[in-house]
Amino acid sequence: NEFLVKVNTTLNLKNIRIIEEAIPPTKPIPKKIFIKFCMVILASSLFGIFFAFLVENYSLKLKDYSEIMAILESPILGVIPKFEPEDKLS
């Protein structure tokens, strides 16, 4: 009631009224930390997978000597062969 009286005298308004009184909560709102943590882990892993996909597919590296031949439009004189690592157990 004091609020209404002060508003009416200060702003000279007559159409303000209290519909419902505010009731403070009896217990705090749960923060759901575990759910937020799981969402952050999921979002970061999806971002990491997406970023790795972009880096792998849109890399500007030359991966094979045939790409060099196509760009330079000339034959290649020599290629360093790729060696597979030998199995140390045998």
Protein backbone atom coordinates (compact mmCIF):
# COMPACT_ATOMS: atom_id res chain seq x y z
CA ASN A 1 0.00 0.00 0.00
CA GLU A 2 2.87 2.38 0.70
CA PHE A 3 4.19 1.73 -2.79
CA LEU A 4 0.86 2.64 -4.37
CA VAL A 5 0.60 5.83 -2.36
CA LYS A 6 4.14 6.94 -3.30
CA VAL A 7 3.60 6.10 -6.99
CA ASN A 8 0.30 7.94 -7.09
CA THR A 9 1.75 11.03 -5.42
CA THR A 10 5.02 11.02 -7.39
CA LEU A 11 3.83 10.14 -10.88
CA ASN A 12 0.24 11.30 -10.48
CA LEU A 13 -1.08 7.99 -11.84
CA LYS A 14 -4.38 6.47 -10.73
CA ASN A 15 -4.51 3.22 -12.74
CA ILE A 16 -1.81 1.21 -10.82
CA ARG A 17 -2.82 -1.61 -8.50
CA ILE A 18 -1.23 -4.73 -6.95
CA ILE A 19 -2.51 -7.92 -8.56
CA GLU A 20 -0.52 -10.46 -6.55
CA GLU A 21 2.04 -10.12 -3.79
CA ALA A 22 5.54 -11.49 -4.42
CA ILE A 23 6.44 -14.50 -2.29
CA PRO A 24 10.16 -15.27 -1.83
CA PRO A 25 11.14 -18.88 -2.58
CA THR A 26 11.61 -21.19 0.41
CA LYS A 27 14.50 -23.16 -1.10
CA PRO A 28 17.09 -22.19 -3.75
CA ILE A 29 16.60 -23.07 -7.39
CA PRO A 30 18.63 -26.23 -8.29
CA LYS A 31 21.64 -25.43 -10.45
CA LYS A 32 21.78 -28.77 -12.31
CA ILE A 33 25.57 -28.68 -12.48
CA PHE A 34 25.85 -32.27 -13.73
CA ILE A 35 23.57 -31.64 -16.72
CA LYS A 36 25.49 -28.47 -17.61
CA PHE A 37 28.79 -30.35 -17.33
CA CYS A 38 27.53 -33.12 -19.65
CA MET A 39 26.29 -30.55 -22.17
CA VAL A 40 29.68 -28.79 -22.19
CA ILE A 41 31.53 -32.09 -22.69
CA LEU A 42 29.19 -33.06 -25.55
CA ALA A 43 29.44 -29.66 -27.24
CA SER A 44 33.23 -29.52 -26.97
CA SER A 45 33.68 -33.04 -28.33
CA LEU A 46 31.36 -32.29 -31.27
CA PHE A 47 33.30 -29.10 -31.97
CA GLY A 48 36.58 -31.02 -31.84
CA ILE A 49 35.35 -33.68 -34.26
CA PHE A 50 34.00 -31.00 -36.62
CA PHE A 51 37.26 -29.04 -36.49
CA ALA A 52 39.35 -32.18 -37.13
CA PHE A 53 37.12 -33.01 -40.12
CA LEU A 54 37.62 -29.51 -41.54
CA VAL A 55 41.38 -29.61 -41.08
CA GLU A 56 41.68 -33.03 -42.69
CA ASN A 57 39.45 -32.39 -45.70
CA TYR A 58 40.39 -28.80 -46.48
CA SER A 59 44.12 -29.07 -45.96
CA LEU A 60 46.28 -27.35 -48.57
CA LYS A 61 49.05 -29.96 -48.33
CA LEU A 62 50.05 -32.01 -51.32
CA LYS A 63 49.45 -35.61 -50.36
CA ASP A 64 50.73 -37.47 -53.41
CA TYR A 65 53.19 -36.97 -56.23
CA SER A 66 50.37 -37.10 -58.79
CA GLU A 67 49.04 -33.82 -57.39
CA ILE A 68 52.44 -32.22 -57.98
CA MET A 69 52.49 -33.53 -61.54
CA ALA A 70 49.03 -32.06 -62.16
CA ILE A 71 50.00 -28.63 -60.79
CA LEU A 72 53.41 -28.35 -62.48
CA GLU A 73 52.30 -30.10 -65.69
CA SER A 74 55.70 -31.75 -66.02
CA PRO A 75 57.12 -35.17 -65.22
CA ILE A 76 58.76 -35.88 -61.89
CA LEU A 77 62.38 -36.98 -61.91
CA GLY A 78 62.39 -38.78 -58.59
CA VAL A 79 60.18 -39.69 -55.65
CA ILE A 80 61.13 -40.61 -52.10
CA PRO A 81 59.27 -43.86 -51.45
CA LYS A 82 57.09 -44.39 -48.40
CA PHE A 83 58.35 -47.23 -46.24
CA GLU A 84 56.03 -49.17 -43.99
CA PRO A 85 57.49 -49.80 -40.53
CA GLU A 86 58.65 -53.36 -40.02
CA ASP A 87 57.07 -55.45 -37.32
CA LYS A 88 59.66 -55.70 -34.54
CA LEU A 89 58.26 -58.96 -33.18
CA SER A 90 59.09 -61.05 -36.24
